[in-house]
Amino acid sequence: MAKNWYPIIDHEKCTGCLTCANFCPHGVYDVPSNPGKPTVANPENCVEFCRGCQRICPTGAIRYSGDS
């Protein structure tokens, strides 16, 4: 797991579809109990250079800390 690699959600672009949270098998995201937008609750669980949630995000709202 990564210490300096984790997703950052652009909440301006995020529509709250939760595709990222439903996709991630590592528990990186927290899904709100009320309709809303996901948060990165466990960044330490992110697998370095995975990019799965970024690729599947329909609005391009995810980037990563640690990217140059």
C-alpha atoms as a PDB file:
ATOM      1  CA  MET A   1       0.000   0.000   0.000  1.00  0.00           C
ATOM      2  CA  ALA A   2       1.118   3.553  -0.608  1.00  0.00           C
ATOM      3  CA  LYS A   3       1.961   6.379   1.752  1.00  0.00           C
ATOM      4  CA  ASN A   4       2.177   9.201  -0.777  1.00  0.00           C
ATOM      5  CA  TRP A   5      -0.135   7.867  -3.484  1.00  0.00           C
ATOM      6  CA  TYR A   6      -3.872   8.303  -3.090  1.00  0.00           C
ATOM      7  CA  PRO A   7      -6.831   9.712  -5.004  1.00  0.00           C
ATOM      8  CA  ILE A   8      -7.955  13.310  -4.723  1.00  0.00           C
ATOM      9  CA  ILE A   9     -11.537  14.016  -5.735  1.00  0.00           C
ATOM     10  CA  ASP A  10     -12.358  17.223  -7.572  1.00  0.00           C
ATOM     11  CA  HIS A  11     -15.758  17.875  -6.004  1.00  0.00           C
ATOM     12  CA  GLU A  12     -16.561  20.432  -8.714  1.00  0.00           C
ATOM     13  CA  LYS A  13     -16.446  17.653 -11.332  1.00  0.00           C
ATOM     14  CA  CYS A  14     -17.784  14.849  -9.120  1.00  0.00           C
ATOM     15  CA  THR A  15     -21.466  14.056  -9.636  1.00  0.00           C
ATOM     16  CA  GLY A  16     -21.748  11.719  -6.643  1.00  0.00           C
ATOM     17  CA  CYS A  17     -22.348   8.620  -8.775  1.00  0.00           C
ATOM     18  CA  LEU A  18     -20.160   6.573  -6.365  1.00  0.00           C
ATOM     19  CA  THR A  19     -18.601   4.607  -9.230  1.00  0.00           C
ATOM     20  CA  CYS A  20     -15.173   5.020  -7.635  1.00  0.00           C
ATOM     21  CA  ALA A  21     -16.296   3.828  -4.206  1.00  0.00           C
ATOM     22  CA  ASN A  22     -18.180   0.865  -5.651  1.00  0.00           C
ATOM     23  CA  PHE A  23     -15.180  -0.082  -7.802  1.00  0.00           C
ATOM     24  CA  CYS A  24     -12.391   0.132  -5.193  1.00  0.00           C
ATOM     25  CA  PRO A  25     -11.783  -3.201  -3.412  1.00  0.00           C
ATOM     26  CA  HIS A  26      -9.362  -1.612  -0.921  1.00  0.00           C
ATOM     27  CA  GLY A  27     -11.745   0.531   1.136  1.00  0.00           C
ATOM     28  CA  VAL A  28     -10.144   3.827   0.176  1.00  0.00           C
ATOM     29  CA  TYR A  29     -13.468   5.659  -0.091  1.00  0.00           C
ATOM     30  CA  ASP A  30     -16.211   6.422   2.384  1.00  0.00           C
ATOM     31  CA  VAL A  31     -19.723   6.345   0.979  1.00  0.00           C
ATOM     32  CA  PRO A  32     -22.044   8.941   2.507  1.00  0.00           C
ATOM     33  CA  SER A  33     -25.186   7.664   4.200  1.00  0.00           C
ATOM     34  CA  ASN A  34     -27.212  10.471   2.639  1.00  0.00           C
ATOM     35  CA  PRO A  35     -26.943  11.104  -1.087  1.00  0.00           C
ATOM     36  CA  GLY A  36     -23.736  12.991  -1.602  1.00  0.00           C
ATOM     37  CA  LYS A  37     -20.187  12.665  -2.786  1.00  0.00           C
ATOM     38  CA  PRO A  38     -17.626  10.100  -1.658  1.00  0.00           C
ATOM     39  CA  THR A  39     -14.601  11.034   0.417  1.00  0.00           C
ATOM     40  CA  VAL A  40     -11.126   9.536   0.573  1.00  0.00           C
ATOM     41  CA  ALA A  41     -11.353   8.095   4.081  1.00  0.00           C
ATOM     42  CA  ASN A  42      -8.437   5.634   4.012  1.00  0.00           C
ATOM     43  CA  PRO A  43      -5.743   6.975   1.685  1.00  0.00           C
ATOM     44  CA  GLU A  44      -3.190   4.556   3.142  1.00  0.00           C
ATOM     45  CA  ASN A  45      -5.189   1.665   1.616  1.00  0.00           C
ATOM     46  CA  CYS A  46      -4.629   2.916  -1.935  1.00  0.00           C
ATOM     47  CA  VAL A  47      -2.438   0.648  -4.060  1.00  0.00           C
ATOM     48  CA  GLU A  48       0.372   2.655  -5.623  1.00  0.00           C
ATOM     49  CA  PHE A  49      -0.126   3.367  -9.340  1.00  0.00           C
ATOM     50  CA  CYS A  50      -3.405   1.401  -9.537  1.00  0.00           C
ATOM     51  CA  ARG A  51      -5.425   4.218 -11.196  1.00  0.00           C
ATOM     52  CA  GLY A  52      -8.510   1.967 -11.415  1.00  0.00           C
ATOM     53  CA  CYS A  53     -10.920   4.488  -9.929  1.00  0.00           C
ATOM     54  CA  GLN A  54      -9.508   7.257 -12.116  1.00  0.00           C
ATOM     55  CA  ARG A  55     -10.036   5.199 -15.262  1.00  0.00           C
ATOM     56  CA  ILE A  56     -13.602   4.280 -14.335  1.00  0.00           C
ATOM     57  CA  CYS A  57     -14.719   7.763 -13.205  1.00  0.00           C
ATOM     58  CA  PRO A  58     -17.206   9.009 -15.823  1.00  0.00           C
ATOM     59  CA  THR A  59     -16.470  12.707 -15.172  1.00  0.00           C
ATOM     60  CA  GLY A  60     -12.667  12.650 -14.775  1.00  0.00           C
ATOM     61  CA  ALA A  61     -12.930  13.918 -11.205  1.00  0.00           C
ATOM     62  CA  ILE A  62     -10.013  11.904  -9.775  1.00  0.00           C
ATOM     63  CA  ARG A  63      -6.322  12.704  -9.768  1.00  0.00           C
ATOM     64  CA  TYR A  64      -3.595  11.416  -7.469  1.00  0.00           C
ATOM     65  CA  SER A  65      -1.340  12.870  -4.838  1.00  0.00           C
ATOM     66  CA  GLY A  66       2.177  11.969  -5.831  1.00  0.00           C
ATOM     67  CA  ASP A  67       1.640  12.563  -9.558  1.00  0.00           C
ATOM     68  CA  SER A  68       4.090  15.018 -11.060  1.00  0.00           C
END
